[in-house]
Protein backbone atom coordinates (compact mmCIF):
# COMPACT_ATOMS: atom_id res chain seq x y z
CA UNK A 1 -29.23 24.42 11.56
CA UNK A 2 -25.59 25.12 10.43
CA UNK A 3 -22.26 23.17 11.52
CA UNK A 4 -19.84 25.80 11.23
CA UNK A 5 -16.18 25.22 10.95
CA UNK A 6 -13.40 27.63 11.79
CA UNK A 7 -14.55 28.70 15.46
CA UNK A 8 -12.03 28.54 17.53
CA UNK A 9 -13.10 30.73 20.97
CA UNK A 10 -16.16 32.20 22.70
CA UNK A 11 -15.40 35.55 20.11
CA UNK A 12 -15.49 33.45 16.91
CA UNK A 13 -19.13 32.84 18.33
CA UNK A 14 -20.16 35.63 18.81
CA UNK A 15 -19.31 36.71 15.11
CA UNK A 16 -20.69 34.35 13.70
CA UNK A 17 -23.69 34.72 15.56
CA UNK A 18 -23.70 38.85 14.77
CA UNK A 19 -23.12 38.18 10.58
CA UNK A 20 -26.24 35.97 11.16
CA UNK A 21 -28.18 38.12 12.85
CA UNK A 22 -28.03 40.52 10.05
CA UNK A 23 -29.20 38.48 6.83
CA UNK A 24 -32.82 39.96 6.31
CA UNK A 25 -35.59 37.37 7.27
CA UNK A 26 -33.10 36.05 10.61
CA UNK A 27 -35.49 36.49 13.67
CA UNK A 28 -32.70 35.25 15.80
CA UNK A 29 -29.55 32.79 15.96
CA UNK A 30 -27.11 30.80 18.78
CA UNK A 31 -24.15 29.84 18.20
CA UNK A 32 -22.53 27.20 20.09
CA UNK A 33 -19.18 26.88 20.55
CA UNK A 34 -18.77 23.22 22.17
CA UNK A 35 -20.99 21.74 19.04
CA UNK A 36 -19.88 23.64 16.51
CA UNK A 37 -23.09 24.64 15.42
CA UNK A 38 -25.75 26.95 15.02
CA UNK A 39 -29.54 27.37 15.31
CA UNK A 40 -30.80 29.65 13.19
CA UNK A 41 -35.48 31.02 13.15
CA UNK A 42 -35.20 32.37 9.97
CA UNK A 43 -38.56 33.39 7.33
CA UNK A 44 -38.07 32.29 3.72
CA UNK A 45 -34.24 32.92 4.22
CA UNK A 46 -32.11 31.16 1.13
CA UNK A 47 -29.61 28.75 3.32
CA UNK A 48 -27.15 30.09 0.47
CA UNK A 49 -27.72 33.40 2.23
CA UNK A 50 -26.64 31.93 5.71
CA UNK A 51 -23.89 30.46 4.30
CA UNK A 52 -22.13 33.03 2.70
CA UNK A 53 -22.69 35.54 5.76
CA UNK A 54 -20.78 32.95 7.62
CA UNK A 55 -18.47 32.98 5.08
CA UNK A 56 -17.81 36.61 4.73
CA UNK A 57 -17.32 36.45 8.60
CA UNK A 58 -14.35 34.21 7.79
CA UNK A 59 -16.03 30.97 8.82
CA UNK A 60 -17.00 27.76 6.96
CA UNK A 61 -20.78 26.52 7.31
CA UNK A 62 -22.61 23.71 5.95
CA UNK A 63 -26.41 22.25 5.94
CA UNK A 64 -26.92 19.82 9.24
CA UNK A 65 -28.69 16.76 6.95
CA UNK A 66 -31.66 15.22 8.58
CA UNK A 67 -32.24 12.91 6.03
CA UNK A 68 -32.40 9.42 7.20
CA UNK A 69 -31.73 10.59 10.79
CA UNK A 70 -27.69 11.36 10.38
CA UNK A 71 -26.25 15.05 11.49
CA UNK A 72 -22.93 15.15 8.87
CA UNK A 73 -19.94 17.29 9.87
CA UNK A 74 -18.78 18.81 6.55
CA UNK A 75 -16.15 20.57 8.76
CA UNK A 76 -12.83 20.02 9.52
CA UNK A 77 -13.08 18.20 13.05
CA UNK A 78 -9.10 17.43 13.26
CA UNK A 79 -8.06 13.86 13.55
CA UNK A 80 -7.70 13.14 16.95
CA UNK A 81 -5.08 10.59 15.98
CA UNK A 82 -3.04 13.39 14.35
CA UNK A 83 -4.00 15.49 17.33
CA UNK A 84 -2.62 13.84 19.50
CA UNK A 85 0.58 13.12 17.27
CA UNK A 86 1.67 17.20 17.04
CA UNK A 87 0.82 17.67 20.65
CA UNK A 88 3.59 14.58 21.47
CA UNK A 89 5.72 16.29 18.65
CA UNK A 90 4.94 19.75 20.54
CA UNK A 91 5.94 18.91 24.50
CA UNK A 92 9.12 16.37 22.85
CA UNK A 93 10.55 19.78 21.45
CA UNK A 94 9.28 22.19 24.14
CA UNK A 95 10.37 19.80 26.87
CA UNK A 96 13.97 20.88 26.84
CA UNK A 97 12.85 24.44 27.18
CA UNK A 98 10.91 22.75 30.13
CA UNK A 99 14.29 21.33 31.77
CA UNK A 100 16.69 24.40 30.93
CA UNK A 101 13.78 26.85 32.62
CA UNK A 102 13.76 24.89 35.97
CA UNK A 103 18.24 24.58 35.40
CA UNK A 104 17.76 28.36 35.14
CA UNK A 105 15.57 28.32 38.63
CA UNK A 106 18.26 26.89 39.97
CA UNK A 107 21.49 27.77 38.44
CA UNK A 108 20.28 31.02 37.78
CA UNK A 109 21.41 31.13 33.80
CA UNK A 110 20.50 28.86 30.70
CA UNK A 111 21.86 25.58 29.88
CA UNK A 112 20.73 25.44 26.44
CA UNK A 113 23.16 26.95 23.60
CA UNK A 114 20.95 30.68 22.24
CA UNK A 115 21.48 28.59 18.45
CA UNK A 116 19.94 25.54 20.18
CA UNK A 117 17.03 27.17 21.54
CA UNK A 118 16.50 29.00 18.37
CA UNK A 119 16.04 26.10 16.71
CA UNK A 120 13.78 24.11 18.48
CA UNK A 121 11.50 27.00 19.29
CA UNK A 122 11.57 27.60 15.50
CA UNK A 123 10.28 24.05 14.81
CA UNK A 124 7.21 24.24 17.64
CA UNK A 125 6.28 27.73 16.47
CA UNK A 126 6.19 26.88 12.72
CA UNK A 127 6.09 23.52 12.50
CA UNK A 128 4.02 23.07 15.72
CA UNK A 129 2.27 26.08 15.56
CA UNK A 130 1.40 26.67 12.20
CA UNK A 131 -2.10 26.05 12.56
CA UNK A 132 -2.44 29.30 14.50
CA UNK A 133 -0.83 31.20 12.01
CA UNK A 134 -3.83 30.18 9.20
CA UNK A 135 -6.80 30.57 11.67
CA UNK A 136 -5.17 34.42 12.28
CA UNK A 137 -4.60 35.09 8.96
CA UNK A 138 -8.39 33.83 8.23
CA UNK A 139 -9.45 36.66 10.73
CA UNK A 140 -7.34 39.23 9.95
CA UNK A 141 -9.23 39.22 6.56
CA UNK A 142 -12.39 39.19 7.59
CA UNK A 143 -11.51 42.13 9.92
CA UNK A 144 -12.04 40.16 13.26
CA UNK A 145 -9.78 38.85 15.67
CA UNK A 146 -9.83 35.44 17.47
CA UNK A 147 -7.49 33.87 20.39
CA UNK A 148 -5.17 32.44 17.68
CA UNK A 149 -4.43 36.04 16.55
CA UNK A 150 -3.71 36.71 20.52
CA UNK A 151 -1.85 33.58 20.43
CA UNK A 152 0.48 34.54 17.20
CA UNK A 153 0.56 37.53 18.97
CA UNK A 154 2.43 36.67 21.99
CA UNK A 155 4.40 33.85 20.54
CA UNK A 156 5.62 35.56 17.95
CA UNK A 157 7.03 38.90 20.07
CA UNK A 158 8.73 36.65 21.94
CA UNK A 159 10.48 34.99 19.27
CA UNK A 160 11.42 38.21 17.12
CA UNK A 161 13.17 39.83 20.35
CA UNK A 162 14.86 36.99 20.83
CA UNK A 163 16.20 35.85 17.71
CA UNK A 164 17.20 39.39 17.20
CA UNK A 165 18.81 39.36 20.70
CA UNK A 166 20.90 36.60 18.81
CA UNK A 167 21.49 38.04 15.59
CA UNK A 168 23.04 40.92 17.95
CA UNK A 169 20.37 43.78 16.53
CA UNK A 170 18.39 44.32 19.61
CA UNK A 171 20.36 44.34 23.07
CA UNK A 172 20.60 41.78 25.45
CA UNK A 173 22.72 38.64 26.72
CA UNK A 174 21.49 34.93 27.30
CA UNK A 175 19.45 35.52 30.76
CA UNK A 176 17.72 37.97 27.89
CA UNK A 177 16.05 35.06 25.77
CA UNK A 178 12.48 34.86 25.68
CA UNK A 179 12.01 31.42 23.12
CA UNK A 180 10.99 29.17 25.78
CA UNK A 181 7.86 31.08 26.07
CA UNK A 182 6.96 30.57 22.17
CA UNK A 183 7.48 26.70 22.49
CA UNK A 184 5.39 26.01 25.53
CA UNK A 185 2.88 28.38 25.03
CA UNK A 186 2.31 26.74 21.52
CA UNK A 187 2.31 23.34 23.25
CA UNK A 188 0.31 24.00 26.09
CA UNK A 189 -2.59 25.65 24.04
CA UNK A 190 -2.37 22.47 21.60
CA UNK A 191 -3.33 20.46 24.89
CA UNK A 192 -5.84 22.32 25.77
CA UNK A 193 -7.47 22.48 22.62
CA UNK A 194 -7.46 18.49 22.26
CA UNK A 195 -9.37 18.73 26.14
CA UNK A 196 -11.56 21.04 24.64
CA UNK A 197 -12.34 18.33 21.47
CA UNK A 198 -12.05 15.31 23.91
CA UNK A 199 -15.02 17.43 26.03
CA UNK A 200 -16.69 18.08 22.47
CA UNK A 201 -16.54 14.80 21.84
CA UNK A 202 -18.90 13.60 24.88
CA UNK A 203 -21.21 15.72 24.58
CA UNK A 204 -21.65 14.73 21.38
CA UNK A 205 -21.84 11.20 21.91
CA UNK A 206 -25.63 10.84 22.56
CA UNK A 207 -26.49 12.15 18.70
CA UNK A 208 -24.29 9.42 18.12
CA UNK A 209 -25.65 6.80 20.04
CA UNK A 210 -28.98 7.70 18.83
CA UNK A 211 -28.68 8.07 14.81
CA UNK A 212 -26.58 4.24 15.09
CA UNK A 213 -29.93 2.65 15.94
CA UNK A 214 -30.54 3.04 12.67
CA UNK A 215 -29.87 0.17 10.65
CA UNK A 216 -28.16 1.29 7.23
CA UNK A 217 -30.10 -0.84 5.04
CA UNK A 218 -34.18 -1.97 4.91
CA UNK A 219 -35.72 -4.81 3.09
CA UNK A 220 -38.79 -3.65 1.12
CA UNK A 221 -41.27 -5.55 -0.58
CA UNK A 222 -41.82 -4.31 -4.16
CA UNK A 223 -44.00 -5.41 -6.77
CA UNK A 224 -44.38 -8.98 -5.77
CA UNK A 225 -40.52 -8.74 -5.31
CA UNK A 226 -37.91 -8.75 -2.32
CA UNK A 227 -34.88 -6.44 -1.93
CA UNK A 228 -32.07 -4.55 0.50
CA UNK A 229 -32.15 -1.21 -0.67
CA UNK A 230 -30.49 2.03 2.01
CA UNK A 231 -32.86 3.66 4.28
CA UNK A 232 -32.52 6.80 2.80
CA UNK A 233 -34.56 5.30 -0.62
CA UNK A 234 -37.08 3.88 1.30
CA UNK A 235 -40.67 6.15 1.03
CA UNK A 236 -43.72 6.29 2.46
CA UNK A 237 -45.97 3.45 1.65
CA UNK A 238 -43.45 1.05 1.09
CA UNK A 239 -44.16 -2.17 2.78
CA UNK A 240 -40.93 -3.18 4.65
CA UNK A 241 -40.33 -7.07 6.13
CA UNK A 242 -38.89 -7.49 9.46
CA UNK A 243 -36.90 -10.50 10.89
CA UNK A 244 -36.26 -11.76 13.83
CA UNK A 245 -33.77 -9.58 15.72
CA UNK A 246 -33.47 -6.61 13.72
CA UNK A 247 -33.92 -2.96 13.90
CA UNK A 248 -37.29 -1.30 12.19
CA UNK A 249 -35.79 1.27 9.78
CA UNK A 250 -37.91 3.43 9.70
CA UNK A 251 -41.69 4.57 11.19
CA UNK A 252 -44.27 2.57 10.13
CA UNK A 253 -47.53 0.49 10.95
CA UNK A 254 -47.62 -3.44 11.16
CA UNK A 255 -50.04 -4.98 8.54
CA UNK A 256 -49.45 -8.55 9.76
CA UNK A 257 -47.66 -10.61 12.24
CA UNK A 258 -47.12 -10.05 15.58
CA UNK A 259 -43.79 -9.74 18.14
CA UNK A 260 -42.58 -7.94 20.89
CA UNK A 261 -40.67 -5.01 20.47
CA UNK A 262 -37.70 -3.48 22.53
CA UNK A 263 -38.32 0.16 22.73
CA UNK A 264 -36.73 1.37 25.41
CA UNK A 265 -34.34 3.58 23.10
CA UNK A 266 -37.49 5.62 23.53
CA UNK A 267 -39.60 5.25 26.23
CA UNK A 268 -36.79 4.10 28.63
CA UNK A 269 -38.90 0.69 29.54
CA UNK A 270 -36.62 -2.59 29.67
CA UNK A 271 -39.89 -4.53 28.80
CA UNK A 272 -40.11 -5.78 25.48
CA UNK A 273 -43.81 -4.57 24.09
CA UNK A 274 -46.52 -7.01 22.23
CA UNK A 275 -47.27 -5.75 18.82
CA UNK A 276 -49.68 -6.68 16.20
CA UNK A 277 -51.72 -5.60 12.86
CA UNK A 278 -52.69 -1.92 13.68
CA UNK A 279 -50.24 -0.68 15.98
CA UNK A 280 -47.17 1.38 14.52
CA UNK A 281 -43.37 0.34 15.00
CA UNK A 282 -40.69 3.44 15.69
CA UNK A 283 -37.93 3.84 13.81
CA UNK A 284 -35.14 2.71 15.49
CA UNK A 285 -36.63 -0.30 17.78
CA UNK A 286 -35.76 -3.89 18.29
CA UNK A 287 -37.73 -6.73 16.94
CA UNK A 288 -38.49 -10.31 19.21
CA UNK A 289 -38.74 -13.26 17.48
CA UNK A 290 -41.93 -13.04 14.97
CA UNK A 291 -41.30 -11.39 11.81
CA UNK A 292 -43.35 -8.12 10.67
CA UNK A 293 -44.27 -7.05 7.49
CA UNK A 294 -45.08 -3.53 8.05
CA UNK A 295 -46.27 0.05 6.32
CA UNK A 296 -43.28 2.52 6.06
CA UNK A 297 -45.62 5.74 8.03
CA UNK A 298 -42.34 8.59 8.28
CA UNK A 299 -39.17 8.50 6.64
CA UNK A 300 -35.77 10.57 7.28
CA UNK A 301 -36.25 13.51 8.97
CA UNK A 302 -40.25 13.04 9.69
CA UNK A 303 -39.14 9.92 11.69
CA UNK A 304 -39.30 10.34 15.28
CA UNK A 305 -35.83 9.21 15.53
CA UNK A 306 -34.76 11.84 13.56
CA UNK A 307 -36.51 14.54 15.79
CA UNK A 308 -34.82 13.17 18.78
CA UNK A 309 -31.86 13.69 17.13
CA UNK A 310 -32.94 17.66 15.95
CA UNK A 311 -34.36 17.96 19.53
CA UNK A 312 -30.59 17.36 21.17
CA UNK A 313 -29.02 19.23 18.48
CA UNK A 314 -30.94 22.18 19.18
CA UNK A 315 -30.46 21.92 23.08
CA UNK A 316 -26.69 21.97 22.23
CA UNK A 317 -26.76 24.70 20.12
CA UNK A 318 -28.79 26.95 22.71
CA UNK A 319 -26.92 28.56 24.86
CA UNK A 320 -27.81 29.36 28.45
CA UNK A 321 -28.01 33.05 30.07
CA UNK A 322 -24.96 33.48 31.59
CA UNK A 323 -22.97 32.64 28.23
CA UNK A 324 -24.81 35.55 26.35
CA UNK A 325 -22.55 37.75 28.73
CA UNK A 326 -19.55 35.48 28.12
CA UNK A 327 -19.81 36.69 24.84
CA UNK A 328 -20.39 40.13 26.06
CA UNK A 329 -16.90 40.40 27.27
CA UNK A 330 -14.93 38.08 24.68
CA UNK A 331 -16.22 40.83 21.71
CA UNK A 332 -13.99 42.97 23.38
CA UNK A 333 -11.07 41.35 24.96
CA UNK A 334 -9.15 40.16 21.72
CA UNK A 335 -9.49 43.72 21.03
CA UNK A 336 -8.88 45.11 24.06
CA UNK A 337 -5.81 42.71 24.40
CA UNK A 338 -4.25 43.92 20.75
CA UNK A 339 -4.08 47.97 21.49
CA UNK A 340 -2.44 46.69 25.53
């Protein structure tokens, strides 16, 4: 599993998928735009080779770390607060254009002077819309196209034409200005991206909920001494001490003690299950009112909780058949629009 950075549309996902499939030894690859993940089936292919193939396609890739059941996003997921500030700022500067368009429909002429329109559009296009230029440049360097390129082409064309009219370089008058197209389109696309990220955040909530079940530390007994260590430092065979009410840190087997454990996270059964010496326990389940001594039997990516997280992520990275048709259409959409 790889986490892909820099994808903004279905065309991007299609290009990453094609790049991965071209790597010798890769039998299949599926890229999900919403989860920003790629599920790759490869026999003996170094992960660095896959990451390099994605990089050459114009995107970034990082391995999904399943150690200790956590998957880290090394990409550039935008800060929600920063994204909201960008949207608010873009709409504040685009709002006068909305009023101006309504005024033009009613009265028949612009209410904003050309120079004011130019100034407002400049701030929105090159300030709040700077991210689209960066993504477009990366796509061009990789000899690819994406939706960001279409946004930049459309908004810049409207901006340059309008600026040329204001400067008197191109023929036209006040009624021929299209600064509002640049500003409003940028604000709308930023809003759309924010809604898309919210949807993606919701689809990932199941994984985050599962990961949150595992505690960060575990109490181990080594050489007769008790100590609290990070869960990632636990090794198979370690003796763990579990107090009443605590969460089981790793999969294990009860050595001594008895208690009722809440395993609803695994089975959905709301009633606690009685456990005693010799019984197996699952990491993420919650201990009842008894103290237990456990022996660690499975840790990290080999634990059952990590396996569930991995299956959920693979399900997110696997696309439905209808998505293959969408990808085929999107593969020619951007080039076709650019040619037109």
